[in-house]
Amino acid sequence: MNSLEQRAKAFATQVHQNANQLRKYTNAPYIVHPAAVAELVRSVPHSPEMIAAAWLHDTVEDTQVTLDDIAQRFGTVVAGYVEMLTKISKGSDGNRDAKFNIDLQHTAQACPEAKTIKLADIIDNSRNIAELDPKFAATYLIEKQRQLSVLWQGDGSLYLMAEACILKGLADADIG
């Protein structure tokens, strides 16, 4: 683990812990999710900045951390990836579908490296959603299926893995 990754891991662990954030459904410490995303990104061609961004991908969205904080601590490349991975919709932007469409357009503009991280995020979040929350799984997995349409520039093997996770979840929830 290089020093950029070590710093990103330590920072993400601390800020998610300070926010008392737990993993939905399992109540595990939230950092298990960024750790899984980082490991998936590590399994394909990657840069140190991509691994750091994988650790940090939810910090701006879920804690008090700002993109400026990320840029100052980890550089503009990492901050750029995190920005591309952070939802931009606001509560006032309408219903869930309207907000999803705003965020989908934002994701569509991301670079291939950020799209690779997003694919890893989808894989980890989709793995067992059908068994943990079958009712929500329908909405969530259909959204992720739509999101795949703008992620084809990410890593091909993660794309196929994400697609397989989504299809399995839909089948497990008896939706597909």
Protein backbone atom coordinates (compact mmCIF):
# COMPACT_ATOMS: atom_id res chain seq x y z
CA MET A 1 0.00 0.00 0.00
CA ASN A 2 1.57 3.30 -1.06
CA SER A 3 1.51 6.40 1.10
CA LEU A 4 -1.25 8.10 -0.93
CA GLU A 5 -3.48 5.10 -0.38
CA GLN A 6 -2.52 4.83 3.29
CA ARG A 7 -3.42 8.48 3.83
CA ALA A 8 -6.71 8.12 1.91
CA LYS A 9 -7.65 4.97 3.83
CA ALA A 10 -6.87 6.56 7.21
CA PHE A 11 -8.73 9.76 6.32
CA ALA A 12 -11.81 7.95 4.97
CA THR A 13 -11.88 5.65 8.00
CA GLN A 14 -11.73 8.62 10.37
CA VAL A 15 -14.34 10.83 8.67
CA HIS A 16 -16.87 8.02 8.18
CA GLN A 17 -16.32 6.98 11.81
CA ASN A 18 -16.69 10.59 13.00
CA ALA A 19 -20.00 10.77 11.12
CA ASN A 20 -21.10 7.61 12.98
CA GLN A 21 -21.78 6.08 9.60
CA LEU A 22 -22.64 2.39 9.43
CA ARG A 23 -23.33 0.16 6.47
CA LYS A 24 -27.06 -0.01 5.76
CA TYR A 25 -28.63 -3.40 6.57
CA THR A 26 -25.54 -4.89 8.27
CA ASN A 27 -24.55 -2.07 10.65
CA ALA A 28 -20.90 -2.85 9.89
CA PRO A 29 -18.49 0.10 10.06
CA TYR A 30 -19.03 2.04 6.82
CA ILE A 31 -15.37 1.76 5.82
CA VAL A 32 -15.97 -1.85 4.73
CA HIS A 33 -17.64 -0.43 1.60
CA PRO A 34 -14.79 1.86 0.46
CA ALA A 35 -12.38 -0.99 1.27
CA ALA A 36 -14.29 -3.35 -1.02
CA VAL A 37 -14.42 -0.70 -3.77
CA ALA A 38 -10.66 -0.12 -3.47
CA GLU A 39 -9.97 -3.86 -3.73
CA LEU A 40 -12.12 -4.17 -6.85
CA VAL A 41 -10.32 -1.21 -8.46
CA ARG A 42 -6.98 -2.75 -7.48
CA SER A 43 -7.95 -5.92 -9.40
CA VAL A 44 -7.88 -4.07 -12.75
CA PRO A 45 -5.41 -1.62 -14.33
CA HIS A 46 -5.33 1.38 -11.99
CA SER A 47 -3.29 4.30 -10.70
CA PRO A 48 -2.53 5.25 -7.08
CA GLU A 49 -4.94 8.17 -7.51
CA MET A 50 -7.76 5.80 -8.51
CA ILE A 51 -7.20 3.68 -5.40
CA ALA A 52 -7.17 6.79 -3.20
CA ALA A 53 -10.40 8.02 -4.81
CA ALA A 54 -11.97 4.60 -4.26
CA TRP A 55 -11.31 4.98 -0.52
CA LEU A 56 -12.63 8.56 -0.58
CA HIS A 57 -15.52 8.24 -3.05
CA ASP A 58 -18.33 8.75 -0.50
CA THR A 59 -16.65 11.26 1.82
CA VAL A 60 -18.03 14.43 0.22
CA GLU A 61 -21.50 12.96 -0.20
CA ASP A 62 -21.78 11.43 3.28
CA THR A 63 -19.64 13.56 5.63
CA GLN A 64 -18.65 17.19 6.20
CA VAL A 65 -15.60 16.83 3.93
CA THR A 66 -15.46 19.17 0.92
CA LEU A 67 -13.83 18.74 -2.47
CA ASP A 68 -11.38 21.47 -1.43
CA ASP A 69 -10.41 19.33 1.58
CA ILE A 70 -9.79 16.38 -0.74
CA ALA A 71 -7.75 18.51 -3.18
CA GLN A 72 -5.59 19.97 -0.40
CA ARG A 73 -4.91 16.59 1.21
CA PHE A 74 -4.73 14.30 -1.83
CA GLY A 75 -4.26 16.47 -4.91
CA THR A 76 -6.43 17.69 -7.74
CA VAL A 77 -6.51 14.38 -9.63
CA VAL A 78 -7.99 12.51 -6.67
CA ALA A 79 -10.37 15.40 -5.97
CA GLY A 80 -11.43 15.36 -9.61
CA TYR A 81 -12.30 11.68 -9.44
CA VAL A 82 -14.21 12.17 -6.17
CA GLU A 83 -16.12 15.08 -7.72
CA MET A 84 -17.11 12.91 -10.69
CA LEU A 85 -18.34 10.22 -8.25
CA THR A 86 -20.32 12.57 -6.00
CA LYS A 87 -24.04 13.05 -6.57
CA ILE A 88 -24.89 16.61 -7.56
CA SER A 89 -28.68 16.45 -7.22
CA LYS A 90 -30.33 18.24 -4.34
CA GLY A 91 -33.52 17.52 -2.42
CA SER A 92 -35.23 20.37 -4.25
CA ASP A 93 -34.53 18.79 -7.66
CA GLY A 94 -37.73 16.75 -7.57
CA ASN A 95 -38.57 13.12 -7.01
CA ARG A 96 -36.17 10.18 -6.94
CA ASP A 97 -36.31 9.70 -10.72
CA ALA A 98 -35.62 13.39 -11.45
CA LYS A 99 -32.63 13.37 -9.09
CA PHE A 100 -31.39 10.10 -10.59
CA ASN A 101 -31.49 11.62 -14.09
CA ILE A 102 -29.48 14.66 -12.94
CA ASP A 103 -26.87 12.40 -11.35
CA LEU A 104 -26.85 10.09 -14.38
CA GLN A 105 -25.94 13.00 -16.66
CA HIS A 106 -23.17 13.97 -14.23
CA THR A 107 -21.83 10.40 -14.22
CA ALA A 108 -21.97 10.29 -18.03
CA GLN A 109 -19.45 13.16 -18.14
CA ALA A 110 -16.94 11.34 -15.90
CA CYS A 111 -13.57 10.14 -17.19
CA PRO A 112 -12.93 6.41 -17.71
CA GLU A 113 -10.96 6.19 -14.43
CA ALA A 114 -13.88 7.56 -12.40
CA LYS A 115 -16.27 5.29 -14.29
CA THR A 116 -14.10 2.32 -13.31
CA ILE A 117 -14.42 3.32 -9.65
CA LYS A 118 -18.19 3.76 -10.09
CA LEU A 119 -18.45 0.25 -11.53
CA ALA A 120 -16.66 -1.11 -8.44
CA ASP A 121 -19.09 0.88 -6.26
CA ILE A 122 -22.08 -0.61 -8.08
CA ILE A 123 -20.68 -4.14 -7.73
CA ASP A 124 -20.24 -3.82 -3.98
CA ASN A 125 -23.64 -2.18 -3.45
CA SER A 126 -25.47 -4.68 -5.69
CA ARG A 127 -23.99 -7.93 -4.43
CA ASN A 128 -26.66 -8.78 -1.89
CA ILE A 129 -29.29 -6.03 -2.10
CA ALA A 130 -31.95 -8.50 -3.28
CA GLU A 131 -31.65 -10.59 -0.13
CA LEU A 132 -31.17 -7.66 2.28
CA ASP A 133 -34.01 -5.48 0.95
CA PRO A 134 -36.04 -7.23 -1.77
CA LYS A 135 -38.60 -4.40 -2.02
CA PHE A 136 -36.00 -1.68 -2.57
CA ALA A 137 -33.89 -3.96 -4.78
CA ALA A 138 -36.29 -3.51 -7.70
CA THR A 139 -35.91 0.26 -7.73
CA TYR A 140 -32.19 0.21 -6.99
CA LEU A 141 -31.14 -2.46 -9.47
CA ILE A 142 -33.17 -0.98 -12.32
CA GLU A 143 -31.45 2.36 -11.65
CA LYS A 144 -28.06 0.65 -11.67
CA GLN A 145 -28.96 -1.06 -14.95
CA ARG A 146 -29.71 2.38 -16.42
CA GLN A 147 -26.47 3.72 -14.98
CA LEU A 148 -24.46 1.04 -16.77
CA SER A 149 -25.46 2.65 -20.07
CA VAL A 150 -23.10 5.57 -19.31
CA LEU A 151 -20.29 3.52 -17.75
CA TRP A 152 -19.10 1.53 -20.77
CA GLN A 153 -15.85 3.54 -20.84
CA GLY A 154 -14.87 2.13 -17.45
CA ASP A 155 -12.90 -1.09 -17.08
CA GLY A 156 -14.44 -3.85 -19.21
CA SER A 157 -14.09 -6.65 -16.69
CA LEU A 158 -15.70 -4.57 -13.93
CA TYR A 159 -18.47 -3.57 -16.35
CA LEU A 160 -19.25 -7.24 -17.00
CA MET A 161 -19.08 -8.02 -13.28
CA ALA A 162 -21.43 -5.12 -12.47
CA GLU A 163 -23.85 -6.24 -15.16
CA ALA A 164 -23.79 -9.80 -13.80
CA CYS A 165 -24.39 -8.59 -10.21
CA ILE A 166 -27.35 -6.51 -11.33
CA LEU A 167 -28.90 -9.33 -13.38
CA LYS A 168 -28.39 -11.81 -10.53
CA GLY A 169 -29.99 -9.37 -8.09
CA LEU A 170 -32.96 -8.86 -10.38
CA ALA A 171 -33.37 -12.63 -10.74
CA ASP A 172 -32.95 -13.22 -6.98
CA ALA A 173 -35.59 -10.59 -6.26
CA ASP A 174 -37.75 -12.17 -8.99
CA ILE A 175 -37.79 -8.88 -10.89
CA GLY A 176 -35.89 -9.68 -14.08
